[in-house]
Amino acid sequence: AVVSTQSTGERENNGEEQQEDTISSNEEGEDLKKEQKVSFKRYYHLIRSNKAFSYLLWGTIISNFGDWFNEIGCLTLIGNGYSSVLVSTFLITKSLPFVILASVAGVVADAVDRRKIMIATDICRFITVLLFMVVTKDTLWLLFILQVLQMSITTFFIPASEGYMPLLLKKEDLLVANNLMGNTWSIMLFIGASAGGFVTSWLGVRTDFFIDALTYLASAFFVWRIGKLVISGNEKSVELSDNIESKGLLEEDEKTENEEEGKEIKQTLSTKQKIFKGLR
């Protein structure tokens, strides 16, 4: 009888624990749904409220969409060569420029106007991708050269874009913007790859390269449209000309803050001296 009462008690305890687990899991699921709803609302609000960031976002979406057309076009040309060595060479030419030039591109992005870098690299990539249209089965070596050139230019675009984005946003919006950029890349992977495969089978690889080139031109146009920057942590919208660098603005803000602090220190010292003289 004692054993039976213990077993029933253990069953009741196990049942209560299972109920608590199900309740906690349901609550976690509801919290996750709420977070997702909030994040989508914040995405929408950020795009609607910050026009400068929305231009950068649309340029990124369009260029990412075109990148997959280029990818499928190149793989189709290489696949016609029936060589696994060509495929591995293609992958190497895509990644090697990032390894070699990443540090140099970061220094250039810090020293030169990032907006100008993005526009210049988009125009250079537009011209480079148009040259892909002359590649044939017999001139695959040209494809690899153009691929290295395109990825080298892209290496300079990435740090400029990543460094430019915080200047368009407030600090509290940075995380939302980064998540939004990451999600759009994943979505464009699905849409761009699907559309690229359809276009390749229907119109051929030259159309893939032409569409990709146009997306870079569209990206340059959207970056050019950005006219206002919101300095991180400052709610005021500041008009900037093309030749003014954000770095200089930040340094000016720091100088004014230091000058104000110096004035306050001088005032406190002068008041203390007056009090001391009065006591004497």
C-alpha atoms as a PDB file:
ATOM      1  CA  ALA A   1       0.000   0.000   0.000  1.00  0.00           C
ATOM      2  CA  VAL A   2       2.870   2.359   0.805  1.00  0.00           C
ATOM      3  CA  VAL A   3       4.494   1.612  -2.536  1.00  0.00           C
ATOM      4  CA  SER A   4       1.228   2.225  -4.387  1.00  0.00           C
ATOM      5  CA  THR A   5       0.680   5.606  -2.691  1.00  0.00           C
ATOM      6  CA  GLN A   6       4.258   6.596  -3.519  1.00  0.00           C
ATOM      7  CA  SER A   7       3.833   5.613  -7.157  1.00  0.00           C
ATOM      8  CA  THR A   8       0.573   7.546  -7.472  1.00  0.00           C
ATOM      9  CA  GLY A   9       2.226  10.553  -5.852  1.00  0.00           C
ATOM     10  CA  GLU A  10       5.130  10.348  -8.271  1.00  0.00           C
ATOM     11  CA  ARG A  11       2.677  10.121 -11.181  1.00  0.00           C
ATOM     12  CA  GLU A  12       0.853  13.202  -9.958  1.00  0.00           C
ATOM     13  CA  ASN A  13       4.150  15.085  -9.620  1.00  0.00           C
ATOM     14  CA  ASN A  14       5.207  13.980 -13.110  1.00  0.00           C
ATOM     15  CA  GLY A  15       1.853  15.060 -14.491  1.00  0.00           C
ATOM     16  CA  GLU A  16       2.171  18.482 -12.872  1.00  0.00           C
ATOM     17  CA  GLU A  17       5.705  18.875 -14.248  1.00  0.00           C
ATOM     18  CA  GLN A  18       4.497  17.961 -17.733  1.00  0.00           C
ATOM     19  CA  GLN A  19       1.678  20.486 -17.480  1.00  0.00           C
ATOM     20  CA  GLU A  20       4.142  23.169 -16.369  1.00  0.00           C
ATOM     21  CA  ASP A  21       6.442  22.289 -19.275  1.00  0.00           C
ATOM     22  CA  THR A  22       3.594  22.532 -21.787  1.00  0.00           C
ATOM     23  CA  ILE A  23       2.441  25.844 -20.300  1.00  0.00           C
ATOM     24  CA  SER A  24       5.977  27.272 -20.403  1.00  0.00           C
ATOM     25  CA  SER A  25       6.483  26.069 -23.985  1.00  0.00           C
ATOM     26  CA  ASN A  26       3.171  27.641 -25.021  1.00  0.00           C
ATOM     27  CA  GLU A  27       4.170  30.897 -23.347  1.00  0.00           C
ATOM     28  CA  GLU A  28       7.553  30.828 -25.121  1.00  0.00           C
ATOM     29  CA  GLY A  29       5.785  30.243 -28.433  1.00  0.00           C
ATOM     30  CA  GLU A  30       3.448  33.186 -27.815  1.00  0.00           C
ATOM     31  CA  ASP A  31       6.403  35.395 -26.845  1.00  0.00           C
ATOM     32  CA  LEU A  32       8.218  34.359 -30.021  1.00  0.00           C
ATOM     33  CA  LYS A  33       5.166  35.245 -32.122  1.00  0.00           C
ATOM     34  CA  LYS A  34       4.933  38.621 -30.394  1.00  0.00           C
ATOM     35  CA  GLU A  35       8.644  39.280 -31.034  1.00  0.00           C
ATOM     36  CA  GLN A  36       8.204  38.378 -34.702  1.00  0.00           C
ATOM     37  CA  LYS A  37       5.209  40.700 -35.000  1.00  0.00           C
ATOM     38  CA  VAL A  38       7.121  43.479 -33.302  1.00  0.00           C
ATOM     39  CA  SER A  39      10.143  42.943 -35.556  1.00  0.00           C
ATOM     40  CA  PHE A  40       8.022  43.103 -38.723  1.00  0.00           C
ATOM     41  CA  LYS A  41       6.381  46.271 -37.427  1.00  0.00           C
ATOM     42  CA  ARG A  42       9.811  47.751 -36.718  1.00  0.00           C
ATOM     43  CA  TYR A  43      11.006  46.758 -40.213  1.00  0.00           C
ATOM     44  CA  TYR A  44       8.036  48.523 -41.758  1.00  0.00           C
ATOM     45  CA  HIS A  45       8.395  51.570 -39.522  1.00  0.00           C
ATOM     46  CA  LEU A  46      12.135  51.842 -40.227  1.00  0.00           C
ATOM     47  CA  ILE A  47      11.632  51.702 -43.998  1.00  0.00           C
ATOM     48  CA  ARG A  48       8.800  54.234 -43.895  1.00  0.00           C
ATOM     49  CA  SER A  49      10.425  56.663 -41.469  1.00  0.00           C
ATOM     50  CA  ASN A  50      14.032  56.604 -42.774  1.00  0.00           C
ATOM     51  CA  LYS A  51      14.071  57.393 -46.476  1.00  0.00           C
ATOM     52  CA  ALA A  52      17.865  57.398 -46.732  1.00  0.00           C
ATOM     53  CA  PHE A  53      18.111  53.858 -45.344  1.00  0.00           C
ATOM     54  CA  SER A  54      15.268  52.696 -47.593  1.00  0.00           C
ATOM     55  CA  TYR A  55      17.253  53.865 -50.642  1.00  0.00           C
ATOM     56  CA  LEU A  56      20.294  51.902 -49.458  1.00  0.00           C
ATOM     57  CA  LEU A  57      18.089  48.880 -48.763  1.00  0.00           C
ATOM     58  CA  TRP A  58      16.467  48.933 -52.210  1.00  0.00           C
ATOM     59  CA  GLY A  59      19.853  49.245 -53.886  1.00  0.00           C
ATOM     60  CA  THR A  60      21.121  46.247 -51.914  1.00  0.00           C
ATOM     61  CA  ILE A  61      18.024  44.171 -52.689  1.00  0.00           C
ATOM     62  CA  ILE A  62      18.246  44.840 -56.419  1.00  0.00           C
ATOM     63  CA  SER A  63      21.989  44.149 -56.655  1.00  0.00           C
ATOM     64  CA  ASN A  64      21.631  40.933 -54.611  1.00  0.00           C
ATOM     65  CA  PHE A  65      18.845  39.863 -56.945  1.00  0.00           C
ATOM     66  CA  GLY A  66      21.092  40.352 -59.965  1.00  0.00           C
ATOM     67  CA  ASP A  67      24.052  38.567 -58.374  1.00  0.00           C
ATOM     68  CA  TRP A  68      22.236  35.250 -58.617  1.00  0.00           C
ATOM     69  CA  PHE A  69      21.589  35.777 -62.321  1.00  0.00           C
ATOM     70  CA  ASN A  70      25.335  36.198 -62.754  1.00  0.00           C
ATOM     71  CA  GLU A  71      26.046  33.121 -60.639  1.00  0.00           C
ATOM     72  CA  ILE A  72      23.745  30.883 -62.655  1.00  0.00           C
ATOM     73  CA  GLY A  73      24.997  32.282 -65.950  1.00  0.00           C
ATOM     74  CA  CYS A  74      28.631  31.588 -65.026  1.00  0.00           C
ATOM     75  CA  LEU A  75      27.879  28.077 -63.750  1.00  0.00           C
ATOM     76  CA  THR A  76      25.957  27.323 -66.942  1.00  0.00           C
ATOM     77  CA  LEU A  77      28.921  28.346 -69.097  1.00  0.00           C
ATOM     78  CA  ILE A  78      31.339  26.381 -66.922  1.00  0.00           C
ATOM     79  CA  GLY A  79      29.020  23.370 -66.856  1.00  0.00           C
ATOM     80  CA  ASN A  80      29.163  23.226 -70.641  1.00  0.00           C
ATOM     81  CA  GLY A  81      32.911  22.708 -70.284  1.00  0.00           C
ATOM     82  CA  TYR A  82      32.296  19.427 -68.373  1.00  0.00           C
ATOM     83  CA  SER A  83      35.170  19.932 -65.964  1.00  0.00           C
ATOM     84  CA  SER A  84      35.134  19.891 -62.154  1.00  0.00           C
ATOM     85  CA  VAL A  85      38.444  21.786 -62.232  1.00  0.00           C
ATOM     86  CA  LEU A  86      36.683  24.712 -63.892  1.00  0.00           C
ATOM     87  CA  VAL A  87      34.037  24.765 -61.165  1.00  0.00           C
ATOM     88  CA  SER A  88      36.664  24.808 -58.402  1.00  0.00           C
ATOM     89  CA  THR A  89      38.575  27.548 -60.242  1.00  0.00           C
ATOM     90  CA  PHE A  90      35.384  29.585 -60.431  1.00  0.00           C
ATOM     91  CA  LEU A  91      34.838  29.263 -56.667  1.00  0.00           C
ATOM     92  CA  ILE A  92      38.447  30.262 -55.987  1.00  0.00           C
ATOM     93  CA  THR A  93      38.167  33.354 -58.182  1.00  0.00           C
ATOM     94  CA  LYS A  94      35.048  34.370 -56.236  1.00  0.00           C
ATOM     95  CA  SER A  95      36.645  34.140 -52.781  1.00  0.00           C
ATOM     96  CA  LEU A  96      40.330  34.964 -53.360  1.00  0.00           C
ATOM     97  CA  PRO A  97      39.899  38.745 -53.913  1.00  0.00           C
ATOM     98  CA  PHE A  98      38.171  39.083 -50.515  1.00  0.00           C
ATOM     99  CA  VAL A  99      41.077  37.365 -48.790  1.00  0.00           C
ATOM    100  CA  ILE A 100      43.727  39.509 -50.475  1.00  0.00           C
ATOM    101  CA  LEU A 101      42.033  42.923 -50.602  1.00  0.00           C
ATOM    102  CA  ALA A 102      39.751  42.986 -47.529  1.00  0.00           C
ATOM    103  CA  SER A 103      42.192  44.864 -45.283  1.00  0.00           C
ATOM    104  CA  VAL A 104      43.048  47.386 -48.011  1.00  0.00           C
ATOM    105  CA  ALA A 105      39.357  47.955 -48.781  1.00  0.00           C
ATOM    106  CA  GLY A 106      38.658  48.667 -45.119  1.00  0.00           C
ATOM    107  CA  VAL A 107      41.360  51.340 -44.989  1.00  0.00           C
ATOM    108  CA  VAL A 108      40.049  52.956 -48.181  1.00  0.00           C
ATOM    109  CA  ALA A 109      36.484  52.961 -46.792  1.00  0.00           C
ATOM    110  CA  ASP A 110      37.726  54.846 -43.715  1.00  0.00           C
ATOM    111  CA  ALA A 111      39.721  57.375 -45.725  1.00  0.00           C
ATOM    112  CA  VAL A 112      37.408  58.162 -48.670  1.00  0.00           C
ATOM    113  CA  ASP A 113      33.764  59.245 -48.868  1.00  0.00           C
ATOM    114  CA  ARG A 114      31.851  55.959 -48.594  1.00  0.00           C
ATOM    115  CA  ARG A 115      28.977  57.128 -50.731  1.00  0.00           C
ATOM    116  CA  LYS A 116      31.351  57.929 -53.589  1.00  0.00           C
ATOM    117  CA  ILE A 117      32.994  54.504 -53.205  1.00  0.00           C
ATOM    118  CA  MET A 118      29.637  52.739 -53.501  1.00  0.00           C
ATOM    119  CA  ILE A 119      28.576  54.686 -56.579  1.00  0.00           C
ATOM    120  CA  ALA A 120      31.970  54.223 -58.278  1.00  0.00           C
ATOM    121  CA  THR A 121      32.131  50.484 -57.544  1.00  0.00           C
ATOM    122  CA  ASP A 122      28.560  49.944 -58.777  1.00  0.00           C
ATOM    123  CA  ILE A 123      29.363  51.696 -62.070  1.00  0.00           C
ATOM    124  CA  CYS A 124      32.602  49.685 -62.430  1.00  0.00           C
ATOM    125  CA  ARG A 125      30.710  46.458 -61.788  1.00  0.00           C
ATOM    126  CA  PHE A 126      28.076  47.489 -64.339  1.00  0.00           C
ATOM    127  CA  ILE A 127      30.788  47.794 -67.003  1.00  0.00           C
ATOM    128  CA  THR A 128      32.586  44.612 -65.895  1.00  0.00           C
ATOM    129  CA  VAL A 129      29.468  42.442 -65.948  1.00  0.00           C
ATOM    130  CA  LEU A 130      28.543  43.692 -69.414  1.00  0.00           C
ATOM    131  CA  LEU A 131      31.865  42.231 -70.611  1.00  0.00           C
ATOM    132  CA  PHE A 132      30.680  38.794 -69.431  1.00  0.00           C
ATOM    133  CA  MET A 133      28.348  38.800 -72.434  1.00  0.00           C
ATOM    134  CA  VAL A 134      31.271  38.227 -74.841  1.00  0.00           C
ATOM    135  CA  VAL A 135      32.413  35.051 -73.030  1.00  0.00           C
ATOM    136  CA  THR A 136      31.878  31.783 -74.925  1.00  0.00           C
ATOM    137  CA  LYS A 137      32.797  28.136 -74.380  1.00  0.00           C
ATOM    138  CA  ASP A 138      36.099  28.735 -76.126  1.00  0.00           C
ATOM    139  CA  THR A 139      36.988  31.825 -74.048  1.00  0.00           C
ATOM    140  CA  LEU A 140      36.230  30.612 -70.513  1.00  0.00           C
ATOM    141  CA  TRP A 141      39.595  31.996 -69.383  1.00  0.00           C
ATOM    142  CA  LEU A 142      38.098  35.473 -69.879  1.00  0.00           C
ATOM    143  CA  LEU A 143      35.260  34.594 -67.513  1.00  0.00           C
ATOM    144  CA  PHE A 144      37.718  33.882 -64.690  1.00  0.00           C
ATOM    145  CA  ILE A 145      39.568  37.159 -65.279  1.00  0.00           C
ATOM    146  CA  LEU A 146      36.313  39.123 -65.248  1.00  0.00           C
ATOM    147  CA  GLN A 147      35.181  37.233 -62.153  1.00  0.00           C
ATOM    148  CA  VAL A 148      38.342  38.229 -60.287  1.00  0.00           C
ATOM    149  CA  LEU A 149      37.858  41.836 -61.401  1.00  0.00           C
ATOM    150  CA  GLN A 150      34.205  41.892 -60.339  1.00  0.00           C
ATOM    151  CA  MET A 151      34.903  40.383 -56.903  1.00  0.00           C
ATOM    152  CA  SER A 152      37.838  42.741 -56.370  1.00  0.00           C
ATOM    153  CA  ILE A 153      35.547  45.713 -56.967  1.00  0.00           C
ATOM    154  CA  THR A 154      32.899  44.170 -54.691  1.00  0.00           C
ATOM    155  CA  THR A 155      35.514  43.877 -51.931  1.00  0.00           C
ATOM    156  CA  PHE A 156      35.703  47.680 -51.850  1.00  0.00           C
ATOM    157  CA  PHE A 157      31.922  48.077 -51.949  1.00  0.00           C
ATOM    158  CA  ILE A 158      31.152  45.914 -48.899  1.00  0.00           C
ATOM    159  CA  PRO A 159      33.074  47.830 -46.162  1.00  0.00           C
ATOM    160  CA  ALA A 160      31.900  51.143 -47.627  1.00  0.00           C
ATOM    161  CA  SER A 161      28.273  50.006 -47.427  1.00  0.00           C
ATOM    162  CA  GLU A 162      28.659  48.530 -43.938  1.00  0.00           C
ATOM    163  CA  GLY A 163      30.387  51.679 -42.681  1.00  0.00           C
ATOM    164  CA  TYR A 164      27.887  53.998 -44.347  1.00  0.00           C
ATOM    165  CA  MET A 165      24.765  52.336 -42.924  1.00  0.00           C
ATOM    166  CA  PRO A 166      25.313  53.387 -39.249  1.00  0.00           C
ATOM    167  CA  LEU A 167      25.476  57.011 -40.404  1.00  0.00           C
ATOM    168  CA  LEU A 168      21.927  56.729 -41.725  1.00  0.00           C
ATOM    169  CA  LEU A 169      20.481  55.262 -38.538  1.00  0.00           C
ATOM    170  CA  LYS A 170      19.974  55.930 -34.876  1.00  0.00           C
ATOM    171  CA  LYS A 171      21.712  53.565 -32.467  1.00  0.00           C
ATOM    172  CA  GLU A 172      18.475  51.823 -31.487  1.00  0.00           C
ATOM    173  CA  ASP A 173      17.694  51.047 -35.160  1.00  0.00           C
ATOM    174  CA  LEU A 174      21.051  49.475 -36.058  1.00  0.00           C
ATOM    175  CA  LEU A 175      20.160  45.942 -34.941  1.00  0.00           C
ATOM    176  CA  VAL A 176      16.837  46.034 -36.786  1.00  0.00           C
ATOM    177  CA  ALA A 177      18.542  47.311 -39.951  1.00  0.00           C
ATOM    178  CA  ASN A 178      21.233  44.603 -39.835  1.00  0.00           C
ATOM    179  CA  ASN A 179      18.582  41.893 -39.393  1.00  0.00           C
ATOM    180  CA  LEU A 180      16.609  43.356 -42.275  1.00  0.00           C
ATOM    181  CA  MET A 181      19.663  43.338 -44.543  1.00  0.00           C
ATOM    182  CA  GLY A 182      20.389  39.715 -43.637  1.00  0.00           C
ATOM    183  CA  ASN A 183      16.797  38.637 -44.277  1.00  0.00           C
ATOM    184  CA  THR A 184      16.676  40.346 -47.661  1.00  0.00           C
ATOM    185  CA  TRP A 185      19.845  38.484 -48.719  1.00  0.00           C
ATOM    186  CA  SER A 186      18.194  35.149 -47.862  1.00  0.00           C
ATOM    187  CA  ILE A 187      15.006  36.091 -49.692  1.00  0.00           C
ATOM    188  CA  MET A 188      16.921  37.226 -52.772  1.00  0.00           C
ATOM    189  CA  LEU A 189      18.828  33.927 -52.727  1.00  0.00           C
ATOM    190  CA  PHE A 190      15.537  32.104 -53.259  1.00  0.00           C
ATOM    191  CA  ILE A 191      13.909  34.564 -55.669  1.00  0.00           C
ATOM    192  CA  GLY A 192      17.032  35.431 -57.659  1.00  0.00           C
ATOM    193  CA  ALA A 193      18.157  31.823 -58.092  1.00  0.00           C
ATOM    194  CA  SER A 194      14.674  30.739 -59.186  1.00  0.00           C
ATOM    195  CA  ALA A 195      14.241  33.605 -61.631  1.00  0.00           C
ATOM    196  CA  GLY A 196      17.815  33.219 -62.895  1.00  0.00           C
ATOM    197  CA  GLY A 197      17.312  29.561 -63.736  1.00  0.00           C
ATOM    198  CA  PHE A 198      14.109  30.329 -65.618  1.00  0.00           C
ATOM    199  CA  VAL A 199      15.689  33.196 -67.577  1.00  0.00           C
ATOM    200  CA  THR A 200      18.757  31.072 -68.434  1.00  0.00           C
ATOM    201  CA  SER A 201      16.678  28.225 -69.854  1.00  0.00           C
ATOM    202  CA  TRP A 202      14.400  30.620 -71.744  1.00  0.00           C
ATOM    203  CA  LEU A 203      16.636  33.473 -72.942  1.00  0.00           C
ATOM    204  CA  GLY A 204      20.224  32.282 -72.399  1.00  0.00           C
ATOM    205  CA  VAL A 205      23.191  33.310 -70.272  1.00  0.00           C
ATOM    206  CA  ARG A 206      23.781  36.646 -72.008  1.00  0.00           C
ATOM    207  CA  THR A 207      20.430  37.850 -70.697  1.00  0.00           C
ATOM    208  CA  ASP A 208      21.526  36.840 -67.191  1.00  0.00           C
ATOM    209  CA  PHE A 209      24.619  39.015 -67.428  1.00  0.00           C
ATOM    210  CA  PHE A 210      22.685  41.929 -68.918  1.00  0.00           C
ATOM    211  CA  ILE A 211      20.119  41.851 -66.087  1.00  0.00           C
ATOM    212  CA  ASP A 212      22.887  41.672 -63.478  1.00  0.00           C
ATOM    213  CA  ALA A 213      24.620  44.691 -65.039  1.00  0.00           C
ATOM    214  CA  LEU A 214      21.386  46.700 -64.917  1.00  0.00           C
ATOM    215  CA  THR A 215      20.918  45.896 -61.223  1.00  0.00           C
ATOM    216  CA  TYR A 216      24.301  47.463 -60.428  1.00  0.00           C
ATOM    217  CA  LEU A 217      23.265  50.576 -62.311  1.00  0.00           C
ATOM    218  CA  ALA A 218      20.023  50.675 -60.325  1.00  0.00           C
ATOM    219  CA  SER A 219      21.977  50.263 -57.068  1.00  0.00           C
ATOM    220  CA  ALA A 220      24.204  53.227 -57.985  1.00  0.00           C
ATOM    221  CA  PHE A 221      21.100  55.300 -58.687  1.00  0.00           C
ATOM    222  CA  PHE A 222      19.570  54.543 -55.270  1.00  0.00           C
ATOM    223  CA  VAL A 223      22.821  55.336 -53.460  1.00  0.00           C
ATOM    224  CA  TRP A 224      23.061  58.593 -55.412  1.00  0.00           C
ATOM    225  CA  ARG A 225      19.526  59.468 -54.241  1.00  0.00           C
ATOM    226  CA  ILE A 226      20.572  59.398 -50.600  1.00  0.00           C
ATOM    227  CA  GLY A 227      20.708  63.032 -49.574  1.00  0.00           C
ATOM    228  CA  LYS A 228      20.456  63.037 -45.783  1.00  0.00           C
ATOM    229  CA  LEU A 229      22.467  61.392 -43.069  1.00  0.00           C
ATOM    230  CA  VAL A 230      21.368  60.905 -39.497  1.00  0.00           C
ATOM    231  CA  ILE A 231      24.442  60.866 -37.290  1.00  0.00           C
ATOM    232  CA  SER A 232      24.326  57.878 -34.952  1.00  0.00           C
ATOM    233  CA  GLY A 233      22.905  58.899 -31.601  1.00  0.00           C
ATOM    234  CA  ASN A 234      21.646  62.261 -32.891  1.00  0.00           C
ATOM    235  CA  GLU A 235      18.015  62.774 -33.866  1.00  0.00           C
ATOM    236  CA  LYS A 236      18.710  65.815 -36.065  1.00  0.00           C
ATOM    237  CA  SER A 237      18.855  65.337 -39.821  1.00  0.00           C
ATOM    238  CA  VAL A 238      21.948  66.980 -41.269  1.00  0.00           C
ATOM    239  CA  GLU A 239      22.269  67.977 -44.925  1.00  0.00           C
ATOM    240  CA  LEU A 240      25.601  66.872 -46.343  1.00  0.00           C
ATOM    241  CA  SER A 241      27.270  67.739 -49.611  1.00  0.00           C
ATOM    242  CA  ASP A 242      29.052  65.033 -51.528  1.00  0.00           C
ATOM    243  CA  ASN A 243      32.545  66.197 -50.553  1.00  0.00           C
ATOM    244  CA  ILE A 244      31.914  66.414 -46.761  1.00  0.00           C
ATOM    245  CA  GLU A 245      32.920  63.286 -44.930  1.00  0.00           C
ATOM    246  CA  SER A 246      30.976  62.025 -41.967  1.00  0.00           C
ATOM    247  CA  LYS A 247      34.213  61.599 -40.061  1.00  0.00           C
ATOM    248  CA  GLY A 248      34.769  65.341 -40.048  1.00  0.00           C
ATOM    249  CA  LEU A 249      31.286  65.973 -38.697  1.00  0.00           C
ATOM    250  CA  LEU A 250      31.817  63.590 -35.836  1.00  0.00           C
ATOM    251  CA  GLU A 251      35.147  65.254 -35.022  1.00  0.00           C
ATOM    252  CA  GLU A 252      33.468  68.670 -35.040  1.00  0.00           C
ATOM    253  CA  ASP A 253      30.795  67.403 -32.646  1.00  0.00           C
ATOM    254  CA  GLU A 254      33.488  66.067 -30.319  1.00  0.00           C
ATOM    255  CA  LYS A 255      35.361  69.413 -30.458  1.00  0.00           C
ATOM    256  CA  THR A 256      32.245  71.392 -29.558  1.00  0.00           C
ATOM    257  CA  GLU A 257      31.503  69.029 -26.684  1.00  0.00           C
ATOM    258  CA  ASN A 258      35.093  69.398 -25.400  1.00  0.00           C
ATOM    259  CA  GLU A 259      34.902  73.184 -25.701  1.00  0.00           C
ATOM    260  CA  GLU A 260      31.659  73.271 -23.745  1.00  0.00           C
ATOM    261  CA  GLU A 261      33.159  71.055 -21.051  1.00  0.00           C
ATOM    262  CA  GLY A 262      36.200  73.354 -20.898  1.00  0.00           C
ATOM    263  CA  LYS A 263      34.000  76.420 -20.474  1.00  0.00           C
ATOM    264  CA  GLU A 264      32.088  74.746 -17.647  1.00  0.00           C
ATOM    265  CA  ILE A 265      35.341  73.854 -15.877  1.00  0.00           C
ATOM    266  CA  LYS A 266      36.614  77.441 -16.232  1.00  0.00           C
ATOM    267  CA  GLN A 267      33.360  78.807 -14.820  1.00  0.00           C
ATOM    268  CA  THR A 268      33.493  76.504 -11.800  1.00  0.00           C
ATOM    269  CA  LEU A 269      37.136  77.444 -11.166  1.00  0.00           C
ATOM    270  CA  SER A 270      36.359  81.171 -11.384  1.00  0.00           C
ATOM    271  CA  THR A 271      33.454  80.839  -8.958  1.00  0.00           C
ATOM    272  CA  LYS A 272      35.637  78.905  -6.533  1.00  0.00           C
ATOM    273  CA  GLN A 273      38.335  81.617  -6.748  1.00  0.00           C
ATOM    274  CA  LYS A 274      35.757  84.313  -6.024  1.00  0.00           C
ATOM    275  CA  ILE A 275      34.463  82.420  -3.013  1.00  0.00           C
ATOM    276  CA  PHE A 276      38.013  81.895  -1.747  1.00  0.00           C
ATOM    277  CA  LYS A 277      38.806  85.639  -2.126  1.00  0.00           C
ATOM    278  CA  GLY A 278      35.619  86.504  -0.281  1.00  0.00           C
ATOM    279  CA  LEU A 279      36.565  84.270   2.598  1.00  0.00           C
ATOM    280  CA  ARG A 280      40.003  85.921   2.790  1.00  0.00           C
END
